[in-house]
Amino acid sequence: MKIKKYPSGLRLVVNEKKDIDIVSFRIFINAGSANESENEYGIAHFLEHMFFKSTKKYSYQQLSTFFDELGTQKNAYTGVYKTCYYFKALGNVFEKSLELFAEMFFNNHYNEKEIAKEKNVILEEYQMGNDDTEKKCITNAYKALYNGTNLEHDVIGTKKTIKGFDSQDLLNFKNKWYVPKNMVISVSGNVTLKQVEKLLNKYFSSLFKGEYNGNYNLPPCVKVTPKTHFVSSFKDNEQSTIYILTDLGEKTNRQMYGFDLLFAILGFGMSSKFYNILRGEKALVYHVEADTSSVGKNNVAEIMFATSNENVCQALSQVLQILKDCSNGKVSNEELEKSKNKYIAGMVYSNETNGGISMRNGADLISDNKIESAKQIVADIRSVTLQEIINCAKEFYSQQNYVVSSVGKCKLTDLKCYKH
């Protein structure tokens, strides 16, 4: 793996992997929904959609046909703090794919007629999200926990903002944020750094212009006033979907490994504590999951399951009891070793593909300004002790920055069965 920073501020990371003739290419933009003002809610996501429309040179249909003829797969996604555009191609068509990708990246034709069409598409996506109980649960939880901050609104925006965007709005946002100092290009596959640089100079030359001598600023940690929220949204379903979101605050990577492993013990796989008790012993759920993730500098823990409306209180009480038991030391070395093996295996599996490597390298570089080696991560994971896991469980169990969100017919009072 080689990392290079250019005078313009652009950063490039290339991982040469010759075992298969495929190249994965990703452009990360250090901008997402958290960078939007109130009247811009959803504009980062809208801009991502317009990336795949017509350009000054080609129509939407022509571009789609060209990529299909090459066998090249392309896509994009928008997050809270970053947007990513990517494709993967066979080695012999990588340059042609990159040429087309550059055409889309630099020469979008923001035709008001196409913008109007895409508004309808995104509004359908918005409605689909409202019908998705899990998505609704998550959206409501973030809005409650991060109320009054730039993390509270959904990436897709609101009906009002989606309907209000015009071509100048899109150009203003793109010109402000889509600049070299806010970009990381990550490439993995049967290609060298020298070859990538040559192609970037040919098709992405504008990203090498200018000079930037400043620091790469990471988003600040959003401070949340300790408060417990219970949020219920009615839907006439047989089950209620329950989502518990907890803000863990700012942690180092090393500190988070303890929480990662704790939540692997709790809810990763069918031998986890939640599965064994909620499904195996109590037969309250079909599926339950627990995980950790990061939103900028904020780290969060998530628990999600669905259960019959009349079982919500019992299921939440069981979750709370399991967490309490862990905080009191009811975690074994065998469970810890199992969670370490699952964590390391998952990381190794993701590094089997060029797509996984280009994703991890680019995301780490734009989010943390560094890429931690797999060897170091494995060493850190292996070094986590049982006492550290218990300490994490104690910290989590005493945490007051959390939301219990439900979509279904359960009562709001049922959610309070989880109250610490």
Protein backbone atom coordinates (compact mmCIF):
# COMPACT_ATOMS: atom_id res chain seq x y z
CA MET A 1 0.00 0.00 0.00
CA LYS A 2 1.30 3.45 -0.96
CA ILE A 3 -0.07 6.85 0.08
CA LYS A 4 0.75 10.08 -1.69
CA LYS A 5 -0.27 13.66 -0.93
CA TYR A 6 -0.16 16.29 -3.67
CA PRO A 7 0.40 20.08 -3.37
CA SER A 8 -3.31 20.67 -4.12
CA GLY A 9 -4.26 18.72 -1.00
CA LEU A 10 -5.52 15.67 -2.88
CA ARG A 11 -4.55 12.35 -1.31
CA LEU A 12 -4.12 9.07 -3.17
CA VAL A 13 -3.80 5.58 -1.74
CA VAL A 14 -3.00 2.64 -4.03
CA ASN A 15 -2.95 -1.01 -3.02
CA GLU A 16 -1.36 -3.21 -5.65
CA LYS A 17 -3.03 -6.63 -5.74
CA LYS A 18 -2.06 -8.78 -8.69
CA ASP A 19 -3.89 -12.01 -7.90
CA ILE A 20 -6.93 -11.03 -9.99
CA ASP A 21 -7.19 -8.62 -12.92
CA ILE A 22 -9.82 -6.30 -11.41
CA VAL A 23 -9.39 -2.69 -10.31
CA SER A 24 -11.56 -0.95 -7.72
CA PHE A 25 -11.60 2.85 -7.85
CA ARG A 26 -13.19 5.16 -5.26
CA ILE A 27 -13.39 8.92 -4.76
CA PHE A 28 -14.23 10.00 -1.23
CA ILE A 29 -15.49 13.54 -0.63
CA ASN A 30 -15.19 14.91 2.88
CA ALA A 31 -18.77 16.25 2.82
CA GLY A 32 -22.18 14.81 3.62
CA SER A 33 -25.40 15.68 5.40
CA ALA A 34 -23.57 17.18 8.40
CA ASN A 35 -22.19 19.90 6.11
CA GLU A 36 -25.62 21.10 5.05
CA SER A 37 -27.41 24.21 6.28
CA GLU A 38 -31.11 23.89 7.14
CA ASN A 39 -32.29 24.92 3.67
CA GLU A 40 -29.79 22.45 2.14
CA TYR A 41 -30.97 19.29 3.96
CA GLY A 42 -30.55 16.44 1.48
CA ILE A 43 -28.45 18.33 -1.09
CA ALA A 44 -25.35 16.12 -0.71
CA HIS A 45 -27.52 13.09 -1.45
CA PHE A 46 -29.26 14.89 -4.34
CA LEU A 47 -25.89 15.79 -5.85
CA GLU A 48 -24.87 12.13 -5.65
CA HIS A 49 -28.00 11.17 -7.61
CA MET A 50 -27.25 13.74 -10.31
CA PHE A 51 -23.77 12.25 -10.80
CA PHE A 52 -25.38 9.43 -12.80
CA LYS A 53 -27.39 11.70 -15.09
CA SER A 54 -26.36 13.18 -18.44
CA THR A 55 -23.13 15.12 -19.01
CA LYS A 56 -22.21 17.79 -21.52
CA LYS A 57 -20.95 15.04 -23.82
CA TYR A 58 -23.17 12.01 -23.20
CA SER A 59 -26.79 11.31 -22.35
CA TYR A 60 -27.79 9.20 -19.36
CA GLN A 61 -28.70 6.33 -21.71
CA GLN A 62 -25.35 6.50 -23.50
CA LEU A 63 -23.39 6.41 -20.25
CA SER A 64 -25.39 3.46 -18.95
CA THR A 65 -24.83 1.60 -22.22
CA PHE A 66 -21.10 2.31 -22.28
CA PHE A 67 -20.58 1.00 -18.74
CA ASP A 68 -22.69 -2.09 -19.43
CA GLU A 69 -20.71 -2.84 -22.59
CA LEU A 70 -17.48 -2.63 -20.57
CA GLY A 71 -18.90 -4.82 -17.80
CA THR A 72 -18.02 -2.08 -15.32
CA GLN A 73 -20.09 -1.75 -12.14
CA LYS A 74 -20.58 1.74 -10.70
CA ASN A 75 -22.41 3.21 -7.72
CA ALA A 76 -22.24 5.81 -4.95
CA TYR A 77 -23.49 6.55 -1.46
CA THR A 78 -23.89 9.57 0.79
CA GLY A 79 -23.23 9.53 4.52
CA VAL A 80 -23.19 12.02 7.37
CA TYR A 81 -19.63 13.21 6.82
CA LYS A 82 -18.62 11.77 3.48
CA THR A 83 -19.80 10.91 -0.02
CA CYS A 84 -18.24 8.13 -2.08
CA TYR A 85 -18.35 7.47 -5.84
CA TYR A 86 -16.91 4.20 -7.06
CA PHE A 87 -16.59 1.62 -9.79
CA LYS A 88 -14.85 -1.70 -10.39
CA ALA A 89 -13.63 -2.81 -13.77
CA LEU A 90 -11.61 -5.49 -15.48
CA GLY A 91 -8.00 -4.46 -15.94
CA ASN A 92 -8.21 -4.16 -19.72
CA VAL A 93 -11.09 -1.62 -19.54
CA PHE A 94 -9.98 0.27 -16.45
CA GLU A 95 -8.72 3.29 -18.39
CA LYS A 96 -11.87 3.61 -20.48
CA SER A 97 -14.01 3.25 -17.35
CA LEU A 98 -11.95 5.94 -15.63
CA GLU A 99 -12.37 8.26 -18.62
CA LEU A 100 -16.16 7.89 -18.47
CA PHE A 101 -16.14 8.28 -14.69
CA ALA A 102 -14.18 11.55 -15.02
CA GLU A 103 -16.71 12.80 -17.58
CA MET A 104 -19.49 12.18 -15.05
CA PHE A 105 -17.52 13.70 -12.17
CA PHE A 106 -16.52 16.95 -13.85
CA ASN A 107 -19.05 17.57 -16.62
CA ASN A 108 -22.47 16.94 -15.14
CA HIS A 109 -25.16 18.76 -17.06
CA TYR A 110 -27.52 20.06 -14.37
CA ASN A 111 -30.50 20.40 -16.65
CA GLU A 112 -33.56 21.71 -14.78
CA LYS A 113 -35.75 19.17 -16.57
CA GLU A 114 -33.60 16.27 -15.34
CA ILE A 115 -33.43 17.82 -11.87
CA ALA A 116 -37.23 17.89 -11.79
CA LYS A 117 -37.37 14.21 -12.76
CA GLU A 118 -34.84 13.27 -10.10
CA LYS A 119 -36.82 15.13 -7.46
CA ASN A 120 -39.65 12.67 -8.08
CA VAL A 121 -37.25 9.72 -7.85
CA ILE A 122 -35.81 10.95 -4.53
CA LEU A 123 -39.29 11.67 -3.16
CA GLU A 124 -40.18 8.05 -3.91
CA GLU A 125 -37.01 7.01 -2.04
CA TYR A 126 -38.11 9.26 0.83
CA GLN A 127 -41.53 7.56 0.95
CA MET A 128 -39.89 4.14 0.79
CA GLY A 129 -37.82 5.08 3.85
CA ASN A 130 -40.98 6.06 5.72
CA ASP A 131 -42.49 2.66 4.94
CA ASP A 132 -39.36 0.84 6.10
CA THR A 133 -39.85 0.22 9.83
CA GLU A 134 -36.15 -0.26 10.57
CA LYS A 135 -35.19 2.90 8.68
CA LYS A 136 -37.97 4.83 10.46
CA CYS A 137 -36.75 3.57 13.84
CA ILE A 138 -33.20 4.69 13.14
CA THR A 139 -34.21 8.09 11.74
CA ASN A 140 -36.40 8.83 14.77
CA ALA A 141 -33.63 7.77 17.17
CA TYR A 142 -30.98 10.01 15.61
CA LYS A 143 -33.38 12.95 15.56
CA ALA A 144 -34.10 12.50 19.27
CA LEU A 145 -30.54 11.83 20.45
CA TYR A 146 -28.84 14.54 18.38
CA ASN A 147 -31.63 17.11 18.44
CA GLY A 148 -30.32 20.60 17.71
CA THR A 149 -27.07 19.39 16.13
CA ASN A 150 -25.96 18.76 12.56
CA LEU A 151 -26.43 15.00 13.11
CA GLU A 152 -30.19 15.09 13.70
CA HIS A 153 -31.52 15.26 10.13
CA ASP A 154 -31.73 12.35 7.73
CA VAL A 155 -29.29 12.18 4.83
CA ILE A 156 -32.16 12.22 2.31
CA GLY A 157 -33.47 15.57 3.57
CA THR A 158 -37.11 16.69 3.81
CA LYS A 159 -39.90 16.89 1.26
CA LYS A 160 -39.64 20.68 1.32
CA THR A 161 -35.90 20.86 0.71
CA ILE A 162 -35.92 18.12 -1.95
CA LYS A 163 -38.60 19.98 -3.92
CA GLY A 164 -36.74 23.28 -3.61
CA PHE A 165 -33.31 22.49 -5.09
CA ASP A 166 -32.26 23.99 -8.42
CA SER A 167 -29.12 23.75 -10.55
CA GLN A 168 -27.45 26.72 -8.85
CA ASP A 169 -27.93 25.13 -5.40
CA LEU A 170 -26.21 21.96 -6.61
CA LEU A 171 -23.34 23.87 -8.20
CA ASN A 172 -22.81 26.00 -5.10
CA PHE A 173 -22.54 22.94 -2.85
CA LYS A 174 -20.28 21.11 -5.30
CA ASN A 175 -17.97 24.09 -5.79
CA LYS A 176 -17.66 24.56 -2.03
CA TRP A 177 -16.94 20.98 -1.01
CA TYR A 178 -15.74 19.06 -4.08
CA VAL A 179 -12.21 20.45 -3.93
CA PRO A 180 -8.88 18.53 -3.82
CA LYS A 181 -8.20 19.15 -0.10
CA ASN A 182 -11.54 17.43 0.65
CA MET A 183 -10.84 14.38 -1.52
CA VAL A 184 -9.22 10.99 -1.18
CA ILE A 185 -8.84 8.64 -4.15
CA SER A 186 -8.44 4.99 -3.20
CA VAL A 187 -7.48 2.32 -5.73
CA SER A 188 -6.91 -1.38 -5.27
CA GLY A 189 -6.15 -4.04 -7.86
CA ASN A 190 -3.81 -5.07 -10.61
CA VAL A 191 -2.36 -1.57 -11.07
CA THR A 192 0.67 0.34 -9.77
CA LEU A 193 0.90 3.78 -8.20
CA LYS A 194 2.78 5.01 -11.27
CA GLN A 195 0.05 3.77 -13.62
CA VAL A 196 -2.70 5.34 -11.53
CA GLU A 197 -0.88 8.68 -11.36
CA LYS A 198 -0.45 8.71 -15.13
CA LEU A 199 -4.17 8.12 -15.69
CA LEU A 200 -5.22 10.66 -13.07
CA ASN A 201 -3.01 13.28 -14.70
CA LYS A 202 -4.76 12.50 -17.97
CA TYR A 203 -8.40 12.45 -16.83
CA PHE A 204 -8.45 14.16 -13.41
CA SER A 205 -5.82 16.85 -14.05
CA SER A 206 -7.84 19.64 -12.41
CA LEU A 207 -7.48 17.92 -9.03
CA PHE A 208 -3.74 18.58 -9.10
CA LYS A 209 -4.04 22.35 -9.57
CA GLY A 210 -3.46 24.84 -6.77
CA GLU A 211 -1.76 24.49 -3.41
CA TYR A 212 -3.04 23.62 0.03
CA ASN A 213 -0.75 23.80 3.04
CA GLY A 214 -3.35 23.53 5.81
CA ASN A 215 -4.34 20.67 8.05
CA TYR A 216 -6.97 18.07 7.24
CA ASN A 217 -9.53 18.95 9.87
CA LEU A 218 -11.66 16.15 11.22
CA PRO A 219 -15.23 16.84 12.36
CA PRO A 220 -15.54 17.71 16.06
CA CYS A 221 -17.23 15.41 18.54
CA VAL A 222 -20.87 16.47 18.96
CA LYS A 223 -21.56 16.88 22.66
CA VAL A 224 -24.85 15.40 23.79
CA THR A 225 -26.46 16.51 27.05
CA PRO A 226 -27.05 13.34 29.09
CA LYS A 227 -30.69 12.50 28.56
CA THR A 228 -32.74 9.38 27.97
CA HIS A 229 -35.38 9.44 25.23
CA PHE A 230 -38.26 7.09 24.43
CA VAL A 231 -39.73 7.56 20.96
CA SER A 232 -42.72 5.67 19.57
CA SER A 233 -44.16 5.78 16.05
CA PHE A 234 -47.44 3.96 15.44
CA LYS A 235 -47.73 1.45 12.61
CA ASP A 236 -50.38 -1.24 12.32
CA ASN A 237 -47.95 -4.18 12.27
CA GLU A 238 -48.04 -7.54 14.01
CA GLN A 239 -44.62 -6.78 15.47
CA SER A 240 -42.89 -3.71 16.86
CA THR A 241 -39.38 -2.93 15.67
CA ILE A 242 -37.13 -1.73 18.49
CA TYR A 243 -33.91 0.22 18.03
CA ILE A 244 -31.66 1.32 20.90
CA LEU A 245 -29.09 3.99 20.02
CA THR A 246 -26.42 4.99 22.55
CA ASP A 247 -23.84 7.75 22.16
CA LEU A 248 -20.45 6.64 23.50
CA GLY A 249 -18.74 9.96 22.85
CA GLU A 250 -15.23 10.33 21.49
CA LYS A 251 -12.93 7.31 21.74
CA THR A 252 -9.58 6.32 20.30
CA ASN A 253 -9.48 3.32 17.97
CA ARG A 254 -7.87 1.31 20.75
CA GLN A 255 -10.60 2.24 23.25
CA MET A 256 -13.30 1.27 20.77
CA TYR A 257 -11.92 -2.24 20.29
CA GLY A 258 -13.24 -3.12 23.75
CA PHE A 259 -16.74 -1.97 22.80
CA ASP A 260 -16.47 -3.69 19.40
CA LEU A 261 -15.68 -6.99 21.09
CA LEU A 262 -18.33 -6.50 23.79
CA PHE A 263 -20.99 -6.03 21.14
CA ALA A 264 -19.72 -9.01 19.20
CA ILE A 265 -20.24 -11.05 22.38
CA LEU A 266 -23.71 -9.56 22.78
CA GLY A 267 -25.13 -9.71 19.29
CA PHE A 268 -22.89 -10.97 16.51
CA GLY A 269 -23.89 -14.42 15.32
CA MET A 270 -26.26 -17.08 16.56
CA SER A 271 -24.00 -18.06 19.47
CA SER A 272 -24.12 -14.53 20.93
CA LYS A 273 -25.74 -13.72 24.28
CA PHE A 274 -28.75 -11.97 22.78
CA TYR A 275 -29.41 -14.84 20.38
CA ASN A 276 -28.99 -17.50 23.05
CA ILE A 277 -31.37 -15.83 25.47
CA LEU A 278 -33.84 -13.74 23.45
CA ARG A 279 -34.29 -16.37 20.75
CA GLY A 280 -32.97 -19.67 22.12
CA GLU A 281 -34.27 -19.56 25.70
CA LYS A 282 -37.15 -17.08 25.69
CA ALA A 283 -38.34 -17.41 22.06
CA LEU A 284 -39.09 -13.68 21.95
CA VAL A 285 -37.44 -12.77 18.64
CA TYR A 286 -36.51 -14.25 15.31
CA HIS A 287 -33.51 -11.96 14.77
CA VAL A 288 -31.53 -9.59 16.96
CA GLU A 289 -28.34 -7.67 16.26
CA ALA A 290 -25.92 -5.45 18.14
CA ASP A 291 -23.07 -3.42 16.73
CA THR A 292 -20.92 -0.33 17.09
CA SER A 293 -20.13 2.33 14.52
CA SER A 294 -18.85 5.88 14.24
CA VAL A 295 -20.43 9.12 13.06
CA GLY A 296 -17.48 11.43 12.66
CA LYS A 297 -15.83 11.67 16.07
CA ASN A 298 -18.93 10.31 17.80
CA ASN A 299 -19.03 6.58 18.48
CA VAL A 300 -22.39 4.87 18.84
CA ALA A 301 -23.69 1.48 19.92
CA GLU A 302 -26.82 -0.01 18.37
CA ILE A 303 -29.20 -2.81 19.32
CA MET A 304 -32.12 -3.79 17.09
CA PHE A 305 -34.81 -6.47 17.10
CA ALA A 306 -38.47 -7.00 16.31
CA THR A 307 -40.97 -8.79 18.52
CA SER A 308 -44.72 -9.15 18.97
CA ASN A 309 -46.26 -6.00 20.38
CA GLU A 310 -47.21 -7.67 23.66
CA ASN A 311 -43.62 -8.94 24.17
CA VAL A 312 -41.79 -5.61 23.88
CA CYS A 313 -41.46 -4.97 27.62
CA GLN A 314 -40.28 -8.51 28.34
CA ALA A 315 -37.71 -8.43 25.51
CA LEU A 316 -36.32 -5.05 26.59
CA SER A 317 -36.11 -6.24 30.19
CA GLN A 318 -34.10 -9.25 29.04
CA VAL A 319 -31.73 -7.04 27.04
CA LEU A 320 -31.23 -4.82 30.06
CA GLN A 321 -30.60 -7.82 32.33
CA ILE A 322 -27.97 -9.20 29.96
CA LEU A 323 -26.20 -5.84 29.91
CA LYS A 324 -26.36 -5.66 33.71
CA ASP A 325 -24.92 -9.17 34.01
CA CYS A 326 -22.02 -8.25 31.72
CA SER A 327 -21.32 -5.13 33.78
CA ASN A 328 -21.19 -7.37 36.85
CA GLY A 329 -18.55 -9.56 35.27
CA LYS A 330 -20.66 -12.34 33.72
CA VAL A 331 -18.48 -12.60 30.63
CA SER A 332 -16.12 -15.50 30.03
CA ASN A 333 -12.68 -15.72 28.46
CA GLU A 334 -14.15 -18.22 25.99
CA GLU A 335 -16.69 -15.63 24.82
CA LEU A 336 -13.96 -13.02 24.49
CA GLU A 337 -11.70 -15.28 22.42
CA LYS A 338 -14.62 -16.22 20.18
CA SER A 339 -15.45 -12.55 19.58
CA LYS A 340 -11.79 -11.79 18.79
CA ASN A 341 -11.69 -14.56 16.20
CA LYS A 342 -14.94 -13.35 14.59
CA TYR A 343 -13.70 -9.75 14.48
CA ILE A 344 -10.36 -10.66 12.92
CA ALA A 345 -11.96 -13.08 10.46
CA GLY A 346 -14.41 -10.38 9.33
CA MET A 347 -11.56 -7.96 8.70
CA VAL A 348 -9.56 -10.56 6.77
CA TYR A 349 -12.59 -11.53 4.69
CA SER A 350 -13.19 -7.87 3.74
CA ASN A 351 -9.58 -7.65 2.57
CA GLU A 352 -10.08 -10.55 0.18
CA THR A 353 -11.63 -8.24 -2.39
CA ASN A 354 -10.27 -5.14 -4.09
CA GLY A 355 -13.53 -3.39 -3.29
CA GLY A 356 -13.16 -4.09 0.41
CA ILE A 357 -9.56 -2.87 0.45
CA SER A 358 -10.26 0.35 -1.48
CA MET A 359 -13.25 1.01 0.79
CA ARG A 360 -11.33 0.56 4.05
CA ASN A 361 -8.23 2.47 2.93
CA GLY A 362 -10.17 5.43 1.57
CA ALA A 363 -12.66 5.62 4.44
CA ASP A 364 -9.90 5.43 7.06
CA LEU A 365 -7.76 8.06 5.37
CA ILE A 366 -10.56 10.60 4.95
CA SER A 367 -12.07 9.93 8.40
CA ASP A 368 -8.91 9.54 10.53
CA ASN A 369 -6.12 11.03 8.39
CA LYS A 370 -4.32 7.68 8.68
CA ILE A 371 -4.63 4.03 7.76
CA GLU A 372 -3.95 1.57 10.54
CA SER A 373 -2.32 -1.60 9.29
CA ALA A 374 -4.17 -4.89 9.55
CA LYS A 375 -1.22 -6.27 11.53
CA GLN A 376 -1.56 -3.51 14.14
CA ILE A 377 -5.33 -3.96 14.37
CA VAL A 378 -4.94 -7.70 14.95
CA ALA A 379 -2.33 -7.05 17.64
CA ASP A 380 -4.60 -4.54 19.36
CA ILE A 381 -7.59 -6.87 19.21
CA ARG A 382 -5.60 -9.78 20.59
CA SER A 383 -4.38 -7.62 23.49
CA VAL A 384 -7.86 -6.65 24.77
CA THR A 385 -8.38 -8.19 28.21
CA LEU A 386 -11.48 -9.58 29.86
CA GLN A 387 -11.34 -6.77 32.43
CA GLU A 388 -11.45 -4.20 29.62
CA ILE A 389 -14.61 -5.86 28.28
CA ILE A 390 -16.21 -5.73 31.73
CA ASN A 391 -15.19 -2.08 32.10
CA CYS A 392 -16.81 -1.30 28.75
CA ALA A 393 -19.97 -3.09 29.87
CA LYS A 394 -20.01 -1.04 33.09
CA GLU A 395 -19.57 2.20 31.15
CA PHE A 396 -22.30 1.24 28.70
CA TYR A 397 -24.74 0.16 31.40
CA SER A 398 -24.29 3.47 33.26
CA GLN A 399 -24.64 5.50 30.04
CA GLN A 400 -27.53 8.00 29.94
CA ASN A 401 -27.15 9.29 26.39
CA TYR A 402 -29.48 6.82 24.70
CA VAL A 403 -32.76 6.53 22.81
CA VAL A 404 -35.20 3.62 22.69
CA SER A 405 -37.14 3.99 19.44
CA SER A 406 -40.06 1.84 18.28
CA VAL A 407 -42.25 1.51 15.20
CA GLY A 408 -45.36 -0.60 15.68
CA LYS A 409 -48.31 -0.85 18.06
CA CYS A 410 -46.43 -1.19 21.35
CA LYS A 411 -47.07 1.31 24.12
CA LEU A 412 -44.62 4.05 24.99
CA THR A 413 -44.64 2.80 28.58
CA ASP A 414 -43.33 -0.59 27.34
CA LEU A 415 -40.17 1.08 26.09
CA LYS A 416 -39.38 2.28 29.59
CA CYS A 417 -38.78 -1.32 30.64
CA TYR A 418 -35.27 -0.68 29.31
CA LYS A 419 -34.67 2.32 31.59
CA HIS A 420 -31.37 1.95 33.47
